[in-house]
Amino acid sequence: MVRKEIADFMNAVIYEKKWFFLNYWSFAHLLAGFFTMFILIKYFKIKSKISGLLILLGLLSVFEVFEYVVALKSNELLFRLDPLKDTISDLVYGMASGIVCAFTVKKEL
């Protein structure tokens, strides 16, 4: 099954320390944070874009847990539930790239 092979590849740990976690999904979270902030800046008139980004990335993490539970119940489990340090790292990566986007793109718009 191709999806299982892709999930296994994306979950491969590149680097891990006590409070730091990097796998290939981390790069997806970098892109998600950047593009989410871009959309918030360009299309939404909210005062705190950083808070909006944090809420959206937090909802993405909740969705990942929900997706895991649904897959577990249907016996179609393709991935493992992320450890807490991976979830926190994903939020940090998304926020960091979103902040970079806010400082670079906002000047251009």
Protein backbone atom coordinates (compact mmCIF):
# COMPACT_ATOMS: atom_id res chain seq x y z
CA MET A 1 0.00 0.00 0.00
CA VAL A 2 1.51 3.29 -1.12
CA ARG A 3 -0.09 5.40 1.62
CA LYS A 4 1.56 3.28 4.30
CA GLU A 5 4.96 3.71 2.64
CA ILE A 6 4.51 7.49 2.45
CA ALA A 7 3.38 7.67 6.09
CA ASP A 8 6.38 5.59 7.18
CA PHE A 9 8.73 7.88 5.26
CA MET A 10 7.18 11.07 6.64
CA ASN A 11 7.38 9.71 10.21
CA ALA A 12 11.08 8.89 9.92
CA VAL A 13 12.93 10.73 12.68
CA ILE A 14 15.69 12.99 11.34
CA TYR A 15 16.87 14.33 14.69
CA GLU A 16 15.66 13.93 18.24
CA LYS A 17 16.75 15.27 21.61
CA LYS A 18 14.98 15.54 24.95
CA TRP A 19 12.86 18.56 23.97
CA PHE A 20 13.48 18.71 20.22
CA PHE A 21 11.98 16.56 17.50
CA LEU A 22 12.44 16.71 13.73
CA ASN A 23 10.89 14.43 11.15
CA TYR A 24 9.72 15.01 7.59
CA TRP A 25 6.29 16.13 8.80
CA SER A 26 8.10 19.06 10.42
CA PHE A 27 8.69 20.54 6.96
CA ALA A 28 4.98 20.22 6.19
CA HIS A 29 4.25 22.16 9.39
CA LEU A 30 6.73 24.85 8.35
CA LEU A 31 4.87 25.29 5.08
CA ALA A 32 1.48 25.15 6.81
CA GLY A 33 2.46 27.93 9.21
CA PHE A 34 3.84 30.14 6.44
CA PHE A 35 0.87 29.76 4.10
CA THR A 36 -1.70 30.02 6.90
CA MET A 37 -0.18 33.33 8.00
CA PHE A 38 -0.08 34.52 4.39
CA ILE A 39 -3.80 33.82 4.06
CA LEU A 40 -4.53 35.52 7.40
CA ILE A 41 -2.61 38.63 6.33
CA LYS A 42 -4.02 38.83 2.83
CA TYR A 43 -7.67 37.88 3.31
CA PHE A 44 -8.72 38.32 6.94
CA LYS A 45 -9.10 41.51 8.92
CA ILE A 46 -8.35 40.26 12.42
CA LYS A 47 -6.31 42.26 14.89
CA SER A 48 -3.98 39.56 16.17
CA LYS A 49 -2.74 37.46 13.29
CA ILE A 50 -0.33 35.61 15.63
CA SER A 51 -3.21 34.52 17.88
CA GLY A 52 -5.20 33.47 14.83
CA LEU A 53 -2.27 31.41 13.58
CA LEU A 54 -1.83 29.73 16.97
CA ILE A 55 -5.53 28.84 17.09
CA LEU A 56 -5.51 27.41 13.56
CA LEU A 57 -2.34 25.39 14.14
CA GLY A 58 -3.76 24.15 17.44
CA LEU A 59 -6.91 23.04 15.62
CA LEU A 60 -4.70 21.23 13.11
CA SER A 61 -3.08 19.32 15.98
CA VAL A 62 -6.51 18.43 17.41
CA PHE A 63 -7.57 17.26 13.94
CA GLU A 64 -4.50 14.99 13.79
CA VAL A 65 -5.53 13.32 17.06
CA PHE A 66 -9.13 13.00 15.83
CA GLU A 67 -7.90 11.48 12.57
CA TYR A 68 -5.84 8.97 14.57
CA VAL A 69 -8.86 7.94 16.67
CA VAL A 70 -11.04 7.47 13.59
CA ALA A 71 -8.34 5.41 11.88
CA LEU A 72 -7.88 3.33 15.03
CA LYS A 73 -11.58 2.52 15.19
CA SER A 74 -11.74 1.56 11.52
CA ASN A 75 -8.58 -0.61 11.67
CA GLU A 76 -7.02 1.53 8.92
CA LEU A 77 -4.17 2.81 11.05
CA LEU A 78 -1.48 4.28 8.78
CA PHE A 79 0.47 6.30 11.31
CA ARG A 80 1.23 6.51 14.97
CA LEU A 81 0.00 9.15 17.36
CA ASP A 82 2.63 11.85 17.70
CA PRO A 83 4.47 12.06 20.99
CA LEU A 84 3.89 15.28 22.92
CA LYS A 85 7.31 16.71 22.03
CA ASP A 86 6.54 16.15 18.33
CA THR A 87 3.23 17.97 18.63
CA ILE A 88 4.88 20.87 20.48
CA SER A 89 7.70 20.97 17.90
CA ASP A 90 5.14 21.06 15.07
CA LEU A 91 3.39 24.03 16.70
CA VAL A 92 6.73 25.81 17.18
CA TYR A 93 7.73 25.21 13.54
CA GLY A 94 4.38 26.47 12.28
CA MET A 95 4.47 29.55 14.52
CA ALA A 96 8.08 30.34 13.59
CA SER A 97 7.42 30.17 9.86
CA GLY A 98 4.20 32.16 10.33
CA ILE A 99 6.11 34.90 12.15
CA VAL A 100 8.72 34.95 9.37
CA CYS A 101 5.88 35.28 6.88
CA ALA A 102 4.34 38.13 8.89
CA PHE A 103 7.59 40.10 8.83
CA THR A 104 8.44 39.43 5.18
CA VAL A 105 5.09 39.34 3.37
CA LYS A 106 3.36 42.13 5.29
CA LYS A 107 5.90 44.61 3.93
CA GLU A 108 5.12 43.49 0.40
CA LEU A 109 1.30 43.79 0.64
